[in-house]
Amino acid sequence: MDLDAIHVAPLADDEIHLWQTAWSGGAGEDVFARLLGAYTGVTESPIIVRGEHGKPTFPPPLDTLGFNWSHSGDVALLAVGKGPSGFAIGVDVEVVRPRPRALELARRFFAPDEAAELNTLPEAAHLGGFLALWTAKEAVLKAHGGGLSYGLHRVSFRLARGGAVPWEFEGDVGPASEWQVRPVALGDERVAALAWRGGERRVRVFTSSV
């Protein structure tokens, strides 16, 4: 693997780097591996291990570099940040497409207060609200490592202008006050969210054409 082909900006301790790349099946993960290799500085593709529910991480001593990725349609996102050992970060992106069962899915899988809040929105806002909640939940649960099996209803949010605000997190993913969740602007065709456990950080967005 030629790591010299990719150059990344220095990653400060108070930053999150978010990369947007094209997605074309397994080739998308090849780009992720090359970017992560550039951040670690290793000369070969860094070893990635998977948790019980599939969360990708680096083994020590590289586990102070947290990362996560997501893809939908033809776009993929890779989030990278530095922190203490096991630093938790997650990202999710969803293509905007008709979801006629959005309210039904919310009533079935979301917290009751979230489903009720969605139901109060104008019909034209149902899809946007649903996706804002869904991507925020996915980002947190991917960072935590429990994935969807942890329970979407166990991380609840309130909708606010531009995204979803952490409200009440149950179990070892909590408390909600320990988390930062940010919407990611990707135009009208996609909704995305970025989440990490810890204090405020500056998010820097990059685009890879590799």
N, C-alpha and C. Protein backbone atom coordinates (compact mmCIF):
# COMPACT_ATOMS: atom_id res chain seq x y z
N MET A 1 0.84 -1.20 0.00
CA MET A 1 0.00 0.00 0.00
C MET A 1 0.88 1.25 0.00
N ASP A 2 0.62 2.17 -0.89
CA ASP A 2 1.42 3.38 -1.01
C ASP A 2 0.78 4.48 -0.17
N LEU A 3 1.25 4.62 1.09
CA LEU A 3 0.68 5.64 1.96
C LEU A 3 1.11 7.04 1.55
N ASP A 4 2.18 7.14 0.73
CA ASP A 4 2.62 8.47 0.31
C ASP A 4 1.59 9.15 -0.59
N ALA A 5 0.63 8.38 -1.11
CA ALA A 5 -0.36 8.94 -2.03
C ALA A 5 -1.41 9.76 -1.30
N ILE A 6 -1.49 9.63 0.02
CA ILE A 6 -2.48 10.37 0.79
C ILE A 6 -1.77 11.17 1.86
N HIS A 7 -2.10 12.45 1.93
CA HIS A 7 -1.54 13.32 2.95
C HIS A 7 -2.68 13.86 3.79
N VAL A 8 -2.52 13.83 5.10
CA VAL A 8 -3.57 14.33 6.00
C VAL A 8 -3.01 15.47 6.83
N ALA A 9 -3.90 16.38 7.19
CA ALA A 9 -3.51 17.50 8.05
C ALA A 9 -3.23 16.98 9.46
N PRO A 10 -2.36 17.65 10.21
CA PRO A 10 -2.14 17.24 11.60
C PRO A 10 -3.46 17.24 12.37
N LEU A 11 -3.65 16.22 13.20
CA LEU A 11 -4.88 16.07 13.97
C LEU A 11 -4.64 16.53 15.41
N ALA A 12 -5.23 17.67 15.77
CA ALA A 12 -5.06 18.21 17.13
C ALA A 12 -5.95 17.44 18.10
N ASP A 13 -5.61 17.51 19.39
CA ASP A 13 -6.36 16.79 20.41
C ASP A 13 -7.79 17.29 20.54
N ASP A 14 -8.04 18.55 20.15
CA ASP A 14 -9.38 19.11 20.29
C ASP A 14 -10.12 19.15 18.95
N GLU A 15 -9.76 18.26 18.03
CA GLU A 15 -10.37 18.23 16.71
C GLU A 15 -10.98 16.85 16.41
N ILE A 16 -11.93 16.85 15.51
CA ILE A 16 -12.39 15.66 14.82
C ILE A 16 -12.20 15.92 13.33
N HIS A 17 -11.59 14.99 12.64
CA HIS A 17 -11.48 15.09 11.19
C HIS A 17 -12.53 14.19 10.56
N LEU A 18 -13.31 14.75 9.65
CA LEU A 18 -14.36 14.02 8.98
C LEU A 18 -14.08 14.02 7.48
N TRP A 19 -13.88 12.83 6.93
CA TRP A 19 -13.57 12.69 5.51
C TRP A 19 -14.79 12.21 4.75
N GLN A 20 -15.08 12.87 3.64
CA GLN A 20 -16.13 12.43 2.73
C GLN A 20 -15.47 11.83 1.50
N THR A 21 -15.86 10.62 1.15
CA THR A 21 -15.29 9.93 0.01
C THR A 21 -16.41 9.29 -0.82
N ALA A 22 -16.06 8.93 -2.04
CA ALA A 22 -17.00 8.16 -2.85
C ALA A 22 -17.04 6.73 -2.32
N TRP A 23 -18.18 6.08 -2.48
CA TRP A 23 -18.32 4.69 -2.02
C TRP A 23 -18.59 3.80 -3.22
N SER A 24 -17.78 2.75 -3.34
CA SER A 24 -17.98 1.79 -4.43
C SER A 24 -17.66 0.40 -3.90
N GLY A 25 -18.47 -0.06 -2.97
CA GLY A 25 -18.27 -1.39 -2.40
C GLY A 25 -17.00 -1.46 -1.58
N GLY A 26 -16.30 -2.59 -1.66
CA GLY A 26 -15.11 -2.80 -0.84
C GLY A 26 -14.01 -1.79 -1.11
N ALA A 27 -14.02 -1.19 -2.31
CA ALA A 27 -13.00 -0.18 -2.63
C ALA A 27 -13.09 1.01 -1.70
N GLY A 28 -14.30 1.26 -1.16
CA GLY A 28 -14.45 2.36 -0.21
C GLY A 28 -13.66 2.13 1.05
N GLU A 29 -13.66 0.89 1.56
CA GLU A 29 -12.90 0.60 2.76
C GLU A 29 -11.40 0.66 2.50
N ASP A 30 -10.97 0.41 1.27
CA ASP A 30 -9.55 0.57 0.93
C ASP A 30 -9.11 2.01 1.15
N VAL A 31 -9.97 2.96 0.77
CA VAL A 31 -9.65 4.38 0.99
C VAL A 31 -9.56 4.67 2.48
N PHE A 32 -10.50 4.12 3.26
CA PHE A 32 -10.45 4.32 4.71
C PHE A 32 -9.12 3.82 5.28
N ALA A 33 -8.70 2.63 4.86
CA ALA A 33 -7.47 2.05 5.37
C ALA A 33 -6.26 2.93 5.02
N ARG A 34 -6.27 3.50 3.82
CA ARG A 34 -5.15 4.35 3.42
C ARG A 34 -5.13 5.65 4.23
N LEU A 35 -6.31 6.22 4.45
CA LEU A 35 -6.38 7.43 5.26
C LEU A 35 -5.93 7.15 6.69
N LEU A 36 -6.42 6.06 7.27
CA LEU A 36 -6.04 5.72 8.64
C LEU A 36 -4.55 5.42 8.74
N GLY A 37 -4.00 4.79 7.71
CA GLY A 37 -2.57 4.56 7.70
C GLY A 37 -1.78 5.85 7.72
N ALA A 38 -2.28 6.86 7.00
CA ALA A 38 -1.61 8.16 6.99
C ALA A 38 -1.67 8.81 8.37
N TYR A 39 -2.78 8.64 9.08
CA TYR A 39 -2.88 9.21 10.44
C TYR A 39 -1.97 8.49 11.43
N THR A 40 -1.85 7.17 11.30
CA THR A 40 -1.02 6.43 12.26
C THR A 40 0.46 6.56 11.94
N GLY A 41 0.77 6.79 10.66
CA GLY A 41 2.16 6.90 10.28
C GLY A 41 2.84 5.56 10.07
N VAL A 42 2.07 4.47 10.09
CA VAL A 42 2.69 3.17 9.89
C VAL A 42 2.97 2.98 8.40
N THR A 43 3.91 2.10 8.08
CA THR A 43 4.33 1.92 6.69
C THR A 43 3.49 0.86 5.98
N GLU A 44 2.70 0.11 6.74
CA GLU A 44 1.82 -0.88 6.15
C GLU A 44 0.40 -0.62 6.64
N SER A 45 -0.57 -1.26 6.02
CA SER A 45 -1.96 -1.08 6.43
C SER A 45 -2.12 -1.44 7.90
N PRO A 46 -2.63 -0.51 8.73
CA PRO A 46 -2.75 -0.78 10.16
C PRO A 46 -3.76 -1.90 10.43
N ILE A 47 -3.49 -2.68 11.47
CA ILE A 47 -4.39 -3.76 11.85
C ILE A 47 -5.65 -3.18 12.49
N ILE A 48 -6.80 -3.61 12.01
CA ILE A 48 -8.09 -3.19 12.55
C ILE A 48 -8.78 -4.40 13.15
N VAL A 49 -9.22 -4.28 14.39
CA VAL A 49 -9.93 -5.37 15.05
C VAL A 49 -11.39 -4.98 15.19
N ARG A 50 -12.25 -5.99 15.33
CA ARG A 50 -13.69 -5.75 15.43
C ARG A 50 -14.19 -6.18 16.81
N GLY A 51 -15.07 -5.32 17.39
CA GLY A 51 -15.69 -5.66 18.65
C GLY A 51 -16.81 -6.67 18.46
N GLU A 52 -17.47 -7.02 19.56
CA GLU A 52 -18.52 -8.04 19.53
C GLU A 52 -19.61 -7.71 18.53
N HIS A 53 -19.94 -6.42 18.39
CA HIS A 53 -21.01 -6.00 17.49
C HIS A 53 -20.48 -5.34 16.23
N GLY A 54 -19.19 -5.56 15.93
CA GLY A 54 -18.63 -5.12 14.67
C GLY A 54 -17.91 -3.78 14.67
N LYS A 55 -17.81 -3.12 15.82
CA LYS A 55 -17.15 -1.81 15.86
C LYS A 55 -15.67 -1.96 15.52
N PRO A 56 -15.17 -1.21 14.50
CA PRO A 56 -13.75 -1.28 14.18
C PRO A 56 -12.91 -0.40 15.10
N THR A 57 -11.80 -0.95 15.57
CA THR A 57 -10.88 -0.20 16.43
C THR A 57 -9.45 -0.62 16.12
N PHE A 58 -8.50 0.17 16.65
CA PHE A 58 -7.11 -0.22 16.61
C PHE A 58 -6.74 -0.88 17.94
N PRO A 59 -5.91 -1.91 17.91
CA PRO A 59 -5.39 -2.46 19.16
C PRO A 59 -4.31 -1.53 19.73
N PRO A 60 -3.98 -1.64 21.04
CA PRO A 60 -2.90 -0.84 21.61
C PRO A 60 -1.61 -1.10 20.82
N PRO A 61 -0.75 -0.10 20.68
CA PRO A 61 -0.82 1.24 21.29
C PRO A 61 -1.53 2.28 20.42
N LEU A 62 -2.15 1.85 19.32
CA LEU A 62 -2.81 2.81 18.43
C LEU A 62 -4.24 3.11 18.84
N ASP A 63 -4.70 2.56 19.98
CA ASP A 63 -6.10 2.71 20.35
C ASP A 63 -6.45 4.09 20.90
N THR A 64 -5.48 5.00 20.94
CA THR A 64 -5.79 6.40 21.27
C THR A 64 -6.32 7.15 20.05
N LEU A 65 -6.27 6.52 18.88
CA LEU A 65 -6.83 7.09 17.66
C LEU A 65 -8.18 6.42 17.42
N GLY A 66 -9.25 7.14 17.70
CA GLY A 66 -10.58 6.60 17.48
C GLY A 66 -11.05 6.90 16.07
N PHE A 67 -11.83 5.99 15.50
CA PHE A 67 -12.33 6.21 14.14
C PHE A 67 -13.62 5.42 13.96
N ASN A 68 -14.38 5.82 12.95
CA ASN A 68 -15.61 5.12 12.60
C ASN A 68 -16.00 5.53 11.19
N TRP A 69 -16.73 4.66 10.49
CA TRP A 69 -17.15 5.01 9.15
C TRP A 69 -18.58 4.58 8.89
N SER A 70 -19.14 5.17 7.84
CA SER A 70 -20.51 4.87 7.44
C SER A 70 -20.63 5.15 5.95
N HIS A 71 -21.54 4.44 5.29
CA HIS A 71 -21.78 4.71 3.87
C HIS A 71 -23.25 4.51 3.55
N SER A 72 -23.71 5.24 2.56
CA SER A 72 -25.08 5.13 2.08
C SER A 72 -25.09 5.62 0.64
N GLY A 73 -25.68 4.83 -0.25
CA GLY A 73 -25.64 5.23 -1.65
C GLY A 73 -24.21 5.27 -2.15
N ASP A 74 -23.83 6.38 -2.76
CA ASP A 74 -22.50 6.49 -3.34
C ASP A 74 -21.55 7.36 -2.53
N VAL A 75 -21.88 7.62 -1.26
CA VAL A 75 -21.02 8.46 -0.43
C VAL A 75 -20.67 7.71 0.86
N ALA A 76 -19.48 7.98 1.36
CA ALA A 76 -19.03 7.40 2.62
C ALA A 76 -18.36 8.47 3.47
N LEU A 77 -18.43 8.28 4.78
CA LEU A 77 -17.81 9.21 5.72
C LEU A 77 -16.88 8.43 6.64
N LEU A 78 -15.74 9.02 6.94
CA LEU A 78 -14.79 8.48 7.90
C LEU A 78 -14.50 9.55 8.93
N ALA A 79 -14.71 9.26 10.21
CA ALA A 79 -14.44 10.19 11.30
C ALA A 79 -13.22 9.71 12.08
N VAL A 80 -12.32 10.64 12.42
CA VAL A 80 -11.09 10.31 13.12
C VAL A 80 -10.86 11.32 14.24
N GLY A 81 -10.47 10.85 15.42
CA GLY A 81 -10.16 11.74 16.53
C GLY A 81 -9.19 11.09 17.49
N LYS A 82 -8.46 11.91 18.26
CA LYS A 82 -7.52 11.40 19.25
C LYS A 82 -8.08 11.59 20.65
N GLY A 83 -7.74 10.70 21.56
CA GLY A 83 -8.21 10.82 22.93
C GLY A 83 -7.54 9.77 23.80
N PRO A 84 -8.12 9.50 24.97
CA PRO A 84 -7.59 8.44 25.82
C PRO A 84 -7.80 7.08 25.16
N SER A 85 -7.14 6.05 25.69
CA SER A 85 -7.29 4.71 25.16
C SER A 85 -8.76 4.35 25.02
N GLY A 86 -9.15 3.89 23.82
CA GLY A 86 -10.54 3.52 23.59
C GLY A 86 -11.45 4.70 23.27
N PHE A 87 -10.89 5.82 22.84
CA PHE A 87 -11.69 7.01 22.53
C PHE A 87 -12.86 6.64 21.64
N ALA A 88 -14.08 7.04 22.03
CA ALA A 88 -15.31 6.61 21.35
C ALA A 88 -15.81 7.68 20.38
N ILE A 89 -15.94 7.30 19.11
CA ILE A 89 -16.46 8.19 18.09
C ILE A 89 -17.31 7.38 17.12
N GLY A 90 -18.37 7.99 16.60
CA GLY A 90 -19.25 7.29 15.67
C GLY A 90 -19.81 8.25 14.64
N VAL A 91 -20.15 7.72 13.46
CA VAL A 91 -20.72 8.54 12.40
C VAL A 91 -21.75 7.71 11.65
N ASP A 92 -22.80 8.38 11.16
CA ASP A 92 -23.80 7.69 10.35
C ASP A 92 -24.29 8.63 9.27
N VAL A 93 -24.52 8.08 8.08
CA VAL A 93 -25.06 8.85 6.96
C VAL A 93 -26.18 8.04 6.32
N GLU A 94 -27.24 8.73 5.90
CA GLU A 94 -28.38 8.08 5.27
C GLU A 94 -28.82 8.90 4.05
N VAL A 95 -29.06 8.21 2.94
CA VAL A 95 -29.61 8.86 1.76
C VAL A 95 -31.07 9.23 2.02
N VAL A 96 -31.46 10.42 1.61
CA VAL A 96 -32.85 10.86 1.76
C VAL A 96 -33.67 10.21 0.65
N ARG A 97 -34.60 9.37 1.05
CA ARG A 97 -35.52 8.71 0.12
C ARG A 97 -36.86 8.54 0.83
N PRO A 98 -37.94 8.36 0.11
CA PRO A 98 -39.25 8.22 0.77
C PRO A 98 -39.26 7.07 1.77
N ARG A 99 -39.78 7.35 2.94
CA ARG A 99 -39.94 6.33 3.97
C ARG A 99 -41.37 6.46 4.52
N PRO A 100 -42.35 5.90 3.81
CA PRO A 100 -43.74 6.07 4.20
C PRO A 100 -44.07 5.50 5.57
N ARG A 101 -43.22 4.61 6.08
CA ARG A 101 -43.47 4.00 7.38
C ARG A 101 -42.64 4.64 8.49
N ALA A 102 -42.15 5.86 8.26
CA ALA A 102 -41.25 6.49 9.24
C ALA A 102 -41.90 6.60 10.61
N LEU A 103 -43.14 7.07 10.68
CA LEU A 103 -43.80 7.21 11.99
C LEU A 103 -44.05 5.86 12.63
N GLU A 104 -44.41 4.88 11.83
CA GLU A 104 -44.61 3.54 12.35
C GLU A 104 -43.32 2.98 12.94
N LEU A 105 -42.20 3.17 12.22
CA LEU A 105 -40.91 2.70 12.72
C LEU A 105 -40.52 3.43 14.00
N ALA A 106 -40.78 4.73 14.05
CA ALA A 106 -40.46 5.50 15.25
C ALA A 106 -41.26 4.99 16.45
N ARG A 107 -42.54 4.72 16.25
CA ARG A 107 -43.36 4.21 17.36
C ARG A 107 -42.88 2.84 17.83
N ARG A 108 -42.33 2.07 16.90
CA ARG A 108 -41.90 0.71 17.24
C ARG A 108 -40.52 0.66 17.89
N PHE A 109 -39.59 1.53 17.41
CA PHE A 109 -38.20 1.39 17.82
C PHE A 109 -37.64 2.56 18.62
N PHE A 110 -38.25 3.76 18.53
CA PHE A 110 -37.74 4.91 19.24
C PHE A 110 -38.34 4.99 20.64
N ALA A 111 -37.83 5.91 21.45
CA ALA A 111 -38.43 6.19 22.75
C ALA A 111 -39.81 6.81 22.53
N PRO A 112 -40.77 6.55 23.43
CA PRO A 112 -42.13 7.07 23.24
C PRO A 112 -42.18 8.58 23.05
N ASP A 113 -41.38 9.33 23.81
CA ASP A 113 -41.39 10.79 23.67
C ASP A 113 -40.91 11.23 22.29
N GLU A 114 -39.97 10.49 21.72
CA GLU A 114 -39.47 10.85 20.38
C GLU A 114 -40.56 10.62 19.33
N ALA A 115 -41.22 9.47 19.41
CA ALA A 115 -42.30 9.19 18.46
C ALA A 115 -43.41 10.22 18.59
N ALA A 116 -43.72 10.61 19.83
CA ALA A 116 -44.76 11.62 20.03
C ALA A 116 -44.34 12.96 19.46
N GLU A 117 -43.07 13.33 19.62
CA GLU A 117 -42.59 14.60 19.07
C GLU A 117 -42.65 14.59 17.54
N LEU A 118 -42.25 13.49 16.93
CA LEU A 118 -42.34 13.39 15.47
C LEU A 118 -43.77 13.56 14.99
N ASN A 119 -44.70 12.99 15.73
CA ASN A 119 -46.11 13.02 15.34
C ASN A 119 -46.69 14.42 15.37
N THR A 120 -46.08 15.32 16.16
CA THR A 120 -46.57 16.70 16.23
C THR A 120 -46.07 17.56 15.07
N LEU A 121 -45.09 17.07 14.32
CA LEU A 121 -44.52 17.85 13.22
C LEU A 121 -45.46 17.85 12.02
N PRO A 122 -45.39 18.88 11.18
CA PRO A 122 -46.12 18.83 9.92
C PRO A 122 -45.69 17.61 9.11
N GLU A 123 -46.58 17.08 8.32
CA GLU A 123 -46.28 15.86 7.57
C GLU A 123 -45.02 15.99 6.73
N ALA A 124 -44.82 17.18 6.14
CA ALA A 124 -43.64 17.39 5.29
C ALA A 124 -42.34 17.32 6.07
N ALA A 125 -42.40 17.44 7.40
CA ALA A 125 -41.19 17.43 8.23
C ALA A 125 -40.94 16.07 8.88
N HIS A 126 -41.85 15.12 8.67
CA HIS A 126 -41.69 13.81 9.31
C HIS A 126 -40.39 13.12 8.92
N LEU A 127 -40.09 13.09 7.62
CA LEU A 127 -38.91 12.38 7.16
C LEU A 127 -37.63 13.01 7.69
N GLY A 128 -37.54 14.35 7.62
CA GLY A 128 -36.34 15.02 8.12
C GLY A 128 -36.13 14.78 9.60
N GLY A 129 -37.22 14.85 10.38
CA GLY A 129 -37.11 14.60 11.81
C GLY A 129 -36.71 13.17 12.10
N PHE A 130 -37.31 12.23 11.39
CA PHE A 130 -36.98 10.82 11.58
C PHE A 130 -35.51 10.56 11.30
N LEU A 131 -35.00 11.09 10.18
CA LEU A 131 -33.60 10.85 9.81
C LEU A 131 -32.64 11.55 10.77
N ALA A 132 -33.00 12.72 11.26
CA ALA A 132 -32.15 13.40 12.25
C ALA A 132 -32.01 12.55 13.50
N LEU A 133 -33.11 11.98 13.97
CA LEU A 133 -33.07 11.11 15.14
C LEU A 133 -32.33 9.82 14.84
N TRP A 134 -32.63 9.21 13.71
CA TRP A 134 -32.01 7.93 13.37
C TRP A 134 -30.50 8.04 13.29
N THR A 135 -30.00 9.04 12.54
CA THR A 135 -28.55 9.17 12.37
C THR A 135 -27.86 9.51 13.68
N ALA A 136 -28.50 10.33 14.53
CA ALA A 136 -27.91 10.65 15.83
C ALA A 136 -27.80 9.40 16.69
N LYS A 137 -28.86 8.60 16.72
CA LYS A 137 -28.85 7.37 17.50
C LYS A 137 -27.78 6.40 16.99
N GLU A 138 -27.76 6.21 15.67
CA GLU A 138 -26.77 5.30 15.08
C GLU A 138 -25.34 5.76 15.40
N ALA A 139 -25.08 7.06 15.28
CA ALA A 139 -23.73 7.56 15.55
C ALA A 139 -23.31 7.26 16.99
N VAL A 140 -24.21 7.50 17.94
CA VAL A 140 -23.88 7.24 19.35
C VAL A 140 -23.68 5.74 19.58
N LEU A 141 -24.57 4.91 19.07
CA LEU A 141 -24.48 3.48 19.32
C LEU A 141 -23.29 2.85 18.60
N LYS A 142 -22.89 3.41 17.47
CA LYS A 142 -21.69 2.92 16.80
C LYS A 142 -20.44 3.31 17.59
N ALA A 143 -20.44 4.52 18.14
CA ALA A 143 -19.32 4.93 18.99
C ALA A 143 -19.24 4.05 20.23
N HIS A 144 -20.37 3.80 20.85
CA HIS A 144 -20.43 2.98 22.06
C HIS A 144 -20.00 1.54 21.78
N GLY A 145 -20.35 1.04 20.60
CA GLY A 145 -19.98 -0.32 20.23
C GLY A 145 -21.10 -1.33 20.37
N GLY A 146 -22.24 -0.91 20.93
CA GLY A 146 -23.35 -1.83 21.09
C GLY A 146 -24.19 -2.00 19.85
N GLY A 147 -24.12 -1.04 18.93
CA GLY A 147 -24.89 -1.11 17.71
C GLY A 147 -26.38 -1.11 17.96
N LEU A 148 -27.14 -1.47 16.93
CA LEU A 148 -28.59 -1.44 17.02
C LEU A 148 -29.12 -2.40 18.07
N SER A 149 -28.37 -3.47 18.35
CA SER A 149 -28.84 -4.44 19.34
C SER A 149 -28.93 -3.85 20.74
N TYR A 150 -28.24 -2.74 20.99
CA TYR A 150 -28.31 -2.09 22.30
C TYR A 150 -29.71 -1.54 22.56
N GLY A 151 -30.38 -1.13 21.47
CA GLY A 151 -31.74 -0.59 21.59
C GLY A 151 -31.80 0.88 21.24
N LEU A 152 -32.42 1.21 20.11
CA LEU A 152 -32.55 2.61 19.70
C LEU A 152 -33.30 3.44 20.73
N HIS A 153 -34.24 2.83 21.44
CA HIS A 153 -35.04 3.57 22.42
C HIS A 153 -34.24 3.94 23.66
N ARG A 154 -33.06 3.33 23.85
CA ARG A 154 -32.27 3.57 25.05
C ARG A 154 -31.38 4.80 24.94
N VAL A 155 -31.31 5.40 23.75
CA VAL A 155 -30.62 6.69 23.57
C VAL A 155 -31.65 7.65 22.96
N SER A 156 -32.21 8.50 23.78
CA SER A 156 -33.29 9.37 23.31
C SER A 156 -32.80 10.81 23.14
N PHE A 157 -33.43 11.49 22.18
CA PHE A 157 -33.04 12.84 21.79
C PHE A 157 -34.26 13.74 21.73
N ARG A 158 -33.99 15.03 21.67
CA ARG A 158 -35.02 16.02 21.35
C ARG A 158 -34.60 16.71 20.07
N LEU A 159 -35.57 16.95 19.20
CA LEU A 159 -35.26 17.63 17.94
C LEU A 159 -35.04 19.11 18.17
N ALA A 160 -34.05 19.65 17.49
CA ALA A 160 -33.76 21.08 17.55
C ALA A 160 -33.39 21.52 16.14
N ARG A 161 -33.32 22.81 15.94
CA ARG A 161 -32.99 23.33 14.61
C ARG A 161 -31.65 22.72 14.14
N GLY A 162 -31.70 22.02 13.03
CA GLY A 162 -30.48 21.49 12.44
C GLY A 162 -30.07 20.11 12.92
N GLY A 163 -30.77 19.51 13.89
CA GLY A 163 -30.35 18.19 14.33
C GLY A 163 -31.07 17.71 15.56
N ALA A 164 -30.44 16.76 16.27
CA ALA A 164 -31.02 16.15 17.45
C ALA A 164 -30.09 16.38 18.64
N VAL A 165 -30.68 16.67 19.80
CA VAL A 165 -29.92 16.98 21.01
C VAL A 165 -30.03 15.81 21.99
N PRO A 166 -28.90 15.30 22.52
CA PRO A 166 -28.96 14.21 23.50
C PRO A 166 -29.85 14.57 24.68
N TRP A 167 -30.70 13.62 25.09
CA TRP A 167 -31.65 13.90 26.16
C TRP A 167 -31.50 12.93 27.32
N GLU A 168 -31.67 11.64 27.05
CA GLU A 168 -31.56 10.64 28.12
C GLU A 168 -31.02 9.34 27.54
N PHE A 169 -29.85 8.92 28.04
CA PHE A 169 -29.22 7.69 27.59
C PHE A 169 -29.23 6.68 28.74
N GLU A 170 -29.66 5.47 28.47
CA GLU A 170 -29.76 4.44 29.49
C GLU A 170 -28.56 3.50 29.46
N GLY A 171 -28.25 2.91 30.62
CA GLY A 171 -27.20 1.91 30.69
C GLY A 171 -25.81 2.51 30.60
N ASP A 172 -24.84 1.67 30.18
CA ASP A 172 -23.45 2.13 30.20
C ASP A 172 -23.11 3.10 29.08
N VAL A 173 -24.03 3.36 28.16
CA VAL A 173 -23.80 4.39 27.16
C VAL A 173 -23.96 5.78 27.77
N GLY A 174 -24.71 5.87 28.86
CA GLY A 174 -24.99 7.16 29.49
C GLY A 174 -23.86 7.64 30.38
N PRO A 175 -24.06 8.86 30.94
CA PRO A 175 -25.21 9.74 30.75
C PRO A 175 -25.12 10.53 29.44
N ALA A 176 -26.27 11.08 29.03
CA ALA A 176 -26.31 11.83 27.77
C ALA A 176 -25.42 13.06 27.82
N SER A 177 -25.21 13.61 29.02
CA SER A 177 -24.41 14.83 29.16
C SER A 177 -22.94 14.61 28.80
N GLU A 178 -22.49 13.36 28.71
CA GLU A 178 -21.10 13.07 28.36
C GLU A 178 -20.85 13.09 26.85
N TRP A 179 -21.93 13.23 26.07
CA TRP A 179 -21.81 13.07 24.63
C TRP A 179 -21.98 14.38 23.87
N GLN A 180 -21.26 14.47 22.76
CA GLN A 180 -21.44 15.53 21.77
C GLN A 180 -22.01 14.89 20.50
N VAL A 181 -23.07 15.45 19.97
CA VAL A 181 -23.67 14.94 18.73
C VAL A 181 -23.88 16.11 17.79
N ARG A 182 -23.34 16.00 16.58
CA ARG A 182 -23.40 17.11 15.63
C ARG A 182 -23.99 16.63 14.30
N PRO A 183 -24.93 17.39 13.74
CA PRO A 183 -25.37 17.09 12.37
C PRO A 183 -24.26 17.44 11.40
N VAL A 184 -24.21 16.73 10.28
CA VAL A 184 -23.20 16.97 9.25
C VAL A 184 -23.93 17.43 7.99
N ALA A 185 -23.58 18.60 7.49
CA ALA A 185 -24.24 19.16 6.30
C ALA A 185 -23.66 18.52 5.04
N LEU A 186 -24.51 17.79 4.31
CA LEU A 186 -24.09 17.13 3.08
C LEU A 186 -25.05 17.42 1.93
N GLY A 187 -25.76 18.54 2.01
CA GLY A 187 -26.73 18.88 0.98
C GLY A 187 -28.09 18.29 1.29
N ASP A 188 -29.02 18.45 0.36
CA ASP A 188 -30.40 18.04 0.59
C ASP A 188 -30.63 16.55 0.40
N GLU A 189 -29.68 15.84 -0.18
CA GLU A 189 -29.91 14.44 -0.53
C GLU A 189 -29.44 13.47 0.53
N ARG A 190 -28.78 13.95 1.58
CA ARG A 190 -28.26 13.06 2.61
C ARG A 190 -28.40 13.72 3.98
N VAL A 191 -28.56 12.88 5.00
CA VAL A 191 -28.57 13.34 6.39
C VAL A 191 -27.50 12.55 7.13
N ALA A 192 -26.71 13.23 7.95
CA ALA A 192 -25.62 12.55 8.65
C ALA A 192 -25.44 13.15 10.04
N ALA A 193 -24.85 12.36 10.92
CA ALA A 193 -24.56 12.82 12.28
C ALA A 193 -23.23 12.24 12.75
N LEU A 194 -22.57 13.00 13.58
CA LEU A 194 -21.27 12.64 14.16
C LEU A 194 -21.40 12.69 15.67
N ALA A 195 -20.87 11.69 16.37
CA ALA A 195 -20.99 11.65 17.84
C ALA A 195 -19.68 11.20 18.47
N TRP A 196 -19.37 11.79 19.61
CA TRP A 196 -18.22 11.33 20.38
C TRP A 196 -18.48 11.57 21.86
N ARG A 197 -17.85 10.75 22.68
CA ARG A 197 -17.94 10.92 24.12
C ARG A 197 -16.81 11.83 24.58
N GLY A 198 -17.17 12.94 25.24
CA GLY A 198 -16.16 13.87 25.70
C GLY A 198 -16.59 15.31 25.48
N GLY A 199 -15.62 16.22 25.62
CA GLY A 199 -15.91 17.64 25.53
C GLY A 199 -16.03 18.14 24.10
N GLU A 200 -16.26 19.45 23.99
CA GLU A 200 -16.40 20.09 22.69
C GLU A 200 -15.12 19.94 21.87
N ARG A 201 -15.29 19.76 20.57
CA ARG A 201 -14.17 19.71 19.65
C ARG A 201 -14.55 20.43 18.36
N ARG A 202 -13.53 20.88 17.66
CA ARG A 202 -13.75 21.49 16.35
C ARG A 202 -13.79 20.39 15.30
N VAL A 203 -14.79 20.42 14.44
CA VAL A 203 -14.93 19.43 13.38
C VAL A 203 -14.40 20.03 12.08
N ARG A 204 -13.43 19.37 11.49
CA ARG A 204 -12.87 19.80 10.21
C ARG A 204 -13.26 18.77 9.15
N VAL A 205 -13.81 19.25 8.04
CA VAL A 205 -14.32 18.37 6.99
C VAL A 205 -13.38 18.40 5.79
N PHE A 206 -13.07 17.20 5.29
CA PHE A 206 -12.17 17.05 4.13
C PHE A 206 -12.86 16.16 3.10
N THR A 207 -12.41 16.27 1.87
CA THR A 207 -12.90 15.42 0.79
C THR A 207 -11.75 14.68 0.15
N SER A 208 -11.90 13.36 0.00
CA SER A 208 -10.88 12.56 -0.66
C SER A 208 -11.37 12.15 -2.03
N SER A 209 -10.52 12.35 -3.03
CA SER A 209 -10.86 11.93 -4.40
C SER A 209 -10.11 10.68 -4.79
N VAL A 210 -9.41 10.06 -3.82
CA VAL A 210 -8.60 8.86 -4.11
C VAL A 210 -9.51 7.68 -4.36
